[in-house]
N, C-alpha and C. Protein backbone atom coordinates (compact mmCIF):
# COMPACT_ATOMS: atom_id res chain seq x y z
N UNK A 1 121.67 88.94 113.46
CA UNK A 1 122.86 89.12 113.85
C UNK A 1 123.89 88.81 113.13
N UNK A 2 124.95 89.44 112.88
CA UNK A 2 126.11 88.93 112.02
C UNK A 2 127.29 89.38 112.82
N UNK A 3 128.07 88.39 113.28
CA UNK A 3 129.45 88.49 113.91
C UNK A 3 129.07 89.12 115.32
N UNK A 4 127.87 88.97 115.88
CA UNK A 4 127.53 89.43 117.26
C UNK A 4 127.07 90.75 117.12
N UNK A 5 126.85 91.38 115.93
CA UNK A 5 126.38 92.70 115.71
C UNK A 5 124.85 92.64 115.12
N UNK A 6 123.93 93.15 115.89
CA UNK A 6 122.45 93.15 115.40
C UNK A 6 122.43 94.31 114.13
N UNK A 7 121.96 93.72 113.08
CA UNK A 7 121.69 94.55 111.92
C UNK A 7 120.28 94.76 111.63
N UNK A 8 119.58 95.94 111.58
CA UNK A 8 118.23 96.00 111.41
C UNK A 8 117.73 95.54 110.10
N UNK A 9 116.63 95.06 109.94
CA UNK A 9 115.99 94.61 108.57
C UNK A 9 115.00 95.49 108.21
N UNK A 10 115.00 96.10 107.23
CA UNK A 10 113.97 97.14 106.65
C UNK A 10 113.11 96.39 105.49
N UNK A 11 112.00 97.10 105.43
CA UNK A 11 111.42 96.37 104.24
C UNK A 11 110.44 97.48 103.38
N UNK A 12 110.06 97.05 102.17
CA UNK A 12 109.39 97.93 101.29
C UNK A 12 107.80 97.55 100.98
N UNK A 13 107.49 96.87 102.06
CA UNK A 13 105.99 96.38 101.88
C UNK A 13 105.04 97.38 101.80
N UNK A 14 105.12 98.47 102.50
CA UNK A 14 104.06 99.60 102.33
C UNK A 14 104.04 100.24 100.97
N UNK A 15 105.22 100.37 100.31
CA UNK A 15 105.43 101.08 98.92
C UNK A 15 104.96 100.02 97.76
N UNK A 16 105.32 98.70 98.03
CA UNK A 16 104.75 97.67 97.07
C UNK A 16 103.27 97.61 97.17
N UNK A 17 102.73 97.48 98.32
CA UNK A 17 101.39 97.24 98.60
C UNK A 17 100.49 98.52 97.92
N UNK A 18 101.18 99.75 98.15
CA UNK A 18 100.42 100.84 97.66
C UNK A 18 100.35 100.86 96.10
N UNK A 19 101.66 100.56 95.56
CA UNK A 19 101.92 100.45 94.14
C UNK A 19 100.80 99.68 93.42
N UNK A 20 100.40 98.50 94.08
CA UNK A 20 99.46 97.59 93.57
C UNK A 20 98.02 97.83 93.97
N UNK A 21 97.74 98.86 94.73
CA UNK A 21 96.49 99.50 95.12
C UNK A 21 95.91 98.67 96.09
N UNK A 22 96.53 97.97 96.92
CA UNK A 22 95.98 97.09 97.95
C UNK A 22 95.95 97.77 99.33
N UNK A 23 94.87 97.66 100.08
CA UNK A 23 94.62 98.44 101.38
C UNK A 23 95.42 97.45 102.36
N UNK A 24 95.64 97.81 103.51
CA UNK A 24 96.18 97.28 104.62
C UNK A 24 95.20 96.11 105.07
N UNK A 25 94.04 96.48 105.11
CA UNK A 25 92.95 95.69 105.62
C UNK A 25 92.76 94.44 104.74
N UNK A 26 92.84 94.73 103.41
CA UNK A 26 92.70 93.62 102.44
C UNK A 26 94.11 92.75 102.54
N UNK A 27 95.10 93.11 102.48
CA UNK A 27 96.31 92.34 102.79
C UNK A 27 96.35 91.67 103.90
N UNK A 28 96.09 92.29 105.01
CA UNK A 28 95.99 91.57 106.32
C UNK A 28 94.91 90.36 106.24
N UNK A 29 93.74 90.68 105.75
CA UNK A 29 92.79 89.55 105.63
C UNK A 29 93.39 88.50 104.86
N UNK A 30 93.88 88.76 103.55
CA UNK A 30 94.54 87.79 102.67
C UNK A 30 95.55 86.88 103.27
N UNK A 31 96.47 87.65 104.04
CA UNK A 31 97.41 86.89 104.65
C UNK A 31 96.97 86.21 106.16
N UNK A 32 95.82 86.52 106.57
CA UNK A 32 95.30 86.05 107.77
C UNK A 32 96.21 86.51 108.98
N UNK A 33 96.42 87.78 108.97
CA UNK A 33 97.08 88.32 110.16
C UNK A 33 96.14 89.56 110.47
N UNK A 34 96.35 90.44 111.49
CA UNK A 34 95.68 91.52 111.84
C UNK A 34 96.32 92.70 111.28
N UNK A 35 95.43 93.77 111.06
CA UNK A 35 96.04 94.89 110.37
C UNK A 35 96.95 95.58 111.21
N UNK A 36 96.88 95.54 112.61
CA UNK A 36 97.80 96.06 113.43
C UNK A 36 99.20 95.27 113.29
N UNK A 37 99.24 94.04 112.97
CA UNK A 37 100.45 93.28 112.69
C UNK A 37 101.09 93.83 111.61
N UNK A 38 100.26 94.01 110.55
CA UNK A 38 100.82 94.51 109.18
C UNK A 38 101.32 95.90 109.25
N UNK A 39 100.72 96.79 110.09
CA UNK A 39 101.12 98.08 110.47
C UNK A 39 102.57 98.03 111.05
N UNK A 40 102.60 97.20 112.11
CA UNK A 40 104.01 97.12 112.77
C UNK A 40 105.15 96.60 111.87
N UNK A 41 104.90 95.59 111.05
CA UNK A 41 105.80 95.13 110.03
C UNK A 41 106.12 96.51 109.09
N UNK A 42 105.14 96.97 108.56
CA UNK A 42 105.33 98.06 107.55
C UNK A 42 106.06 99.35 108.32
N UNK A 43 106.05 99.40 109.39
CA UNK A 43 106.77 100.50 110.26
C UNK A 43 108.27 99.98 110.84
N UNK A 44 108.57 98.67 110.44
CA UNK A 44 109.78 98.18 110.86
C UNK A 44 109.87 98.25 112.36
N UNK A 45 108.72 97.91 113.11
CA UNK A 45 108.85 97.77 114.50
C UNK A 45 108.83 96.40 114.84
N UNK A 46 108.43 95.45 113.77
CA UNK A 46 108.42 94.08 114.01
C UNK A 46 108.79 93.36 112.78
N UNK A 47 109.65 92.43 112.98
CA UNK A 47 110.04 91.51 111.76
C UNK A 47 109.08 90.23 111.69
N UNK A 48 108.47 90.00 110.57
CA UNK A 48 107.51 88.88 110.45
C UNK A 48 108.51 87.67 110.39
N UNK A 49 107.47 86.63 110.87
CA UNK A 49 108.12 85.09 111.12
C UNK A 49 108.62 84.80 109.54
N UNK A 50 109.42 83.75 109.47
CA UNK A 50 109.88 83.24 108.25
C UNK A 50 108.63 82.90 107.56
N UNK A 51 107.57 82.26 108.00
CA UNK A 51 106.43 81.75 107.22
C UNK A 51 105.65 82.98 106.75
N UNK A 52 105.59 84.15 107.60
CA UNK A 52 104.82 85.22 107.07
C UNK A 52 105.54 86.00 105.85
N UNK A 53 106.93 85.97 106.16
CA UNK A 53 107.61 86.66 105.01
C UNK A 53 107.48 86.09 103.88
N UNK A 54 107.63 84.61 103.67
CA UNK A 54 107.49 83.79 102.68
C UNK A 54 105.97 84.04 101.99
N UNK A 55 105.04 84.08 102.82
CA UNK A 55 103.75 84.46 102.19
C UNK A 55 103.55 85.73 101.47
N UNK A 56 104.26 86.76 102.19
CA UNK A 56 104.28 88.08 101.67
C UNK A 56 105.06 88.18 100.33
N UNK A 57 106.08 87.36 100.22
CA UNK A 57 106.79 87.17 98.92
C UNK A 57 106.00 86.65 97.90
N UNK A 58 105.30 85.58 98.13
CA UNK A 58 104.18 84.84 97.40
C UNK A 58 103.18 85.70 96.85
N UNK A 59 102.49 86.54 97.93
CA UNK A 59 101.42 87.40 97.75
C UNK A 59 101.84 88.33 96.69
N UNK A 60 102.86 89.00 96.88
CA UNK A 60 103.37 90.13 95.87
C UNK A 60 104.09 89.45 94.58
N UNK A 61 104.39 88.26 94.53
CA UNK A 61 105.26 87.49 93.44
C UNK A 61 106.37 88.22 93.25
N UNK A 62 107.34 88.49 94.30
CA UNK A 62 108.52 89.28 94.20
C UNK A 62 109.60 88.50 94.82
N UNK A 63 110.88 88.80 94.68
CA UNK A 63 112.03 88.15 95.15
C UNK A 63 112.12 88.74 96.69
N UNK A 64 112.81 88.08 97.46
CA UNK A 64 113.09 88.62 98.98
C UNK A 64 113.88 89.96 98.86
N UNK A 65 114.89 90.11 97.93
CA UNK A 65 115.55 91.36 97.89
C UNK A 65 114.71 92.60 97.30
N UNK A 66 113.49 92.40 96.83
CA UNK A 66 112.76 93.40 96.42
C UNK A 66 111.93 93.86 97.53
N UNK A 67 111.89 93.18 98.69
CA UNK A 67 111.06 93.53 99.85
C UNK A 67 112.01 93.79 101.04
N UNK A 68 112.79 92.94 101.47
CA UNK A 68 113.65 92.95 102.64
C UNK A 68 115.07 93.38 102.28
N UNK A 69 115.68 94.19 103.16
CA UNK A 69 117.03 94.62 103.19
C UNK A 69 117.82 94.77 104.53
N UNK A 70 118.84 94.48 104.56
CA UNK A 70 119.68 94.71 105.86
C UNK A 70 120.29 96.03 105.71
N UNK A 71 120.12 96.83 106.94
CA UNK A 71 120.65 98.18 106.95
C UNK A 71 121.90 98.20 107.62
N UNK A 72 122.84 97.74 106.82
CA UNK A 72 124.27 97.81 107.23
C UNK A 72 124.97 99.17 106.99
N UNK A 73 125.77 99.50 108.08
CA UNK A 73 126.61 100.73 108.11
C UNK A 73 127.66 100.55 107.16
N UNK A 74 128.03 101.54 106.36
CA UNK A 74 129.22 101.54 105.53
C UNK A 74 130.57 101.82 106.25
N UNK A 75 130.80 101.04 107.26
CA UNK A 75 131.90 101.47 107.96
C UNK A 75 133.26 100.58 107.81
């Protein structure tokens, strides 16, 4: 929330995972979460905890900006 306004967080996890040839099940097992959790995160239905977000960054060896973005309106 910025200034009382909720700004959705989007992610590129599915795209990066597929580029690297990693299945959802493999990634979920590696990160010790359920495949259902990973599906919800990839579909932007659920934001990962800070701990899980950091694990995802480390897993892919990328910066936060490469995975997570704020979807701000250009108003």
